[in-house]
Amino acid sequence: MYAVLNLIDTVLWLYWWAIILVALMSWLISFNVVNFHNQIVRSVWNGLNAIVEPALQPIRRFLPNMGGLDISPVILLLIVGFLRDFVHRDLPRLVGL
């Protein structure tokens, strides 16, 4: 059972970093630090967006319009952090470990 909990924690940890990478890449692309016309950059961006964007869209629907500021990645990071904390602390007690 610990192996399953470790796997869930690892997946959540990797998802955490994917969210951070999407946020950083969006800044780098918007400030023209990274060229989006580069095939590698576009492939990485499309791959990370395909992973993270389905979770960001429902959050964006509930947030009010804040101009150009998008805090949905921060909220998603908080949710993933709470899930990781749940897997570490509460889930082992709930399943009897």
Protein backbone atom coordinates (compact mmCIF):
# COMPACT_ATOMS: atom_id res chain seq x y z
CA MET A 1 0.00 0.00 0.00
CA TYR A 2 2.91 2.34 0.68
CA ALA A 3 4.03 1.85 -2.91
CA VAL A 4 0.66 3.09 -4.19
CA LEU A 5 0.82 6.11 -1.88
CA ASN A 6 4.36 6.83 -3.08
CA LEU A 7 3.22 6.57 -6.70
CA ILE A 8 0.33 8.99 -6.09
CA ASP A 9 2.68 11.40 -4.33
CA THR A 10 5.21 11.21 -7.17
CA VAL A 11 2.53 11.89 -9.79
CA LEU A 12 1.27 14.87 -7.81
CA TRP A 13 4.84 16.14 -7.37
CA LEU A 14 5.47 15.89 -11.14
CA TYR A 15 2.16 17.64 -11.81
CA TRP A 16 3.24 20.42 -9.41
CA TRP A 17 6.37 20.99 -11.52
CA ALA A 18 4.39 20.86 -14.77
CA ILE A 19 2.19 23.71 -13.48
CA ILE A 20 5.25 25.76 -12.55
CA LEU A 21 6.85 25.11 -15.94
CA VAL A 22 3.69 26.20 -17.77
CA ALA A 23 3.58 29.43 -15.76
CA LEU A 24 7.26 30.15 -16.38
CA MET A 25 7.06 29.31 -20.06
CA SER A 26 4.01 31.54 -20.51
CA TRP A 27 5.97 34.46 -19.06
CA LEU A 28 9.04 33.68 -21.18
CA ILE A 29 6.95 33.39 -24.34
CA SER A 30 4.95 36.55 -23.66
CA PHE A 31 8.11 38.60 -23.01
CA ASN A 32 9.80 37.17 -26.13
CA VAL A 33 12.62 35.57 -24.16
CA VAL A 34 11.80 32.20 -25.71
CA ASN A 35 10.87 31.98 -29.37
CA PHE A 36 7.57 30.15 -29.78
CA HIS A 37 8.37 29.47 -33.45
CA ASN A 38 11.10 27.06 -32.35
CA GLN A 39 9.86 23.49 -32.85
CA ILE A 40 11.22 22.21 -29.52
CA VAL A 41 9.71 25.08 -27.54
CA ARG A 42 6.36 24.62 -29.26
CA SER A 43 6.40 20.86 -28.60
CA VAL A 44 7.23 21.30 -24.91
CA TRP A 45 4.58 24.03 -24.59
CA ASN A 46 1.89 21.95 -26.30
CA GLY A 47 2.73 18.87 -24.20
CA LEU A 48 2.69 20.72 -20.90
CA ASN A 49 -0.46 22.62 -21.85
CA ALA A 50 -2.22 19.37 -22.71
CA ILE A 51 -1.46 18.13 -19.19
CA VAL A 52 -2.19 21.28 -17.17
CA GLU A 53 -4.87 23.16 -19.11
CA PRO A 54 -7.78 20.75 -18.39
CA ALA A 55 -7.34 21.44 -14.67
CA LEU A 56 -6.93 25.20 -15.13
CA GLN A 57 -10.08 25.76 -17.19
CA PRO A 58 -12.63 25.00 -14.42
CA ILE A 59 -10.71 27.24 -12.03
CA ARG A 60 -10.69 30.10 -14.55
CA ARG A 61 -14.46 29.85 -14.94
CA PHE A 62 -14.98 30.64 -11.25
CA LEU A 63 -12.42 33.44 -10.99
CA PRO A 64 -13.46 37.03 -11.66
CA ASN A 65 -11.80 38.98 -14.46
CA MET A 66 -8.65 40.58 -13.06
CA GLY A 67 -7.37 42.29 -16.17
CA GLY A 68 -4.33 40.46 -17.46
CA LEU A 69 -3.55 38.67 -14.21
CA ASP A 70 -4.16 34.91 -14.15
CA ILE A 71 -3.92 33.39 -10.69
CA SER A 72 -5.41 30.04 -11.65
CA PRO A 73 -1.98 28.31 -11.60
CA VAL A 74 -1.48 29.49 -8.01
CA ILE A 75 -4.85 28.09 -6.99
CA LEU A 76 -4.08 24.81 -8.77
CA LEU A 77 -0.71 24.65 -6.97
CA LEU A 78 -2.53 25.07 -3.66
CA ILE A 79 -4.96 22.27 -4.57
CA VAL A 80 -2.11 19.94 -5.55
CA GLY A 81 -0.29 20.84 -2.33
CA PHE A 82 -3.38 20.01 -0.27
CA LEU A 83 -3.73 16.70 -2.13
CA ARG A 84 -0.09 15.82 -1.44
CA ASP A 85 -0.59 16.67 2.22
CA PHE A 86 -3.71 14.48 2.29
CA VAL A 87 -1.78 11.57 0.75
CA HIS A 88 1.03 11.97 3.30
CA ARG A 89 -0.98 12.49 6.48
CA ASP A 90 -4.62 11.46 6.26
CA LEU A 91 -4.88 8.76 3.60
CA PRO A 92 -2.62 6.24 5.42
CA ARG A 93 -4.77 6.59 8.55
CA LEU A 94 -7.98 6.19 6.53
CA VAL A 95 -6.81 2.95 4.91
CA GLY A 96 -5.43 1.59 8.20
CA LEU A 97 -1.67 1.94 7.79
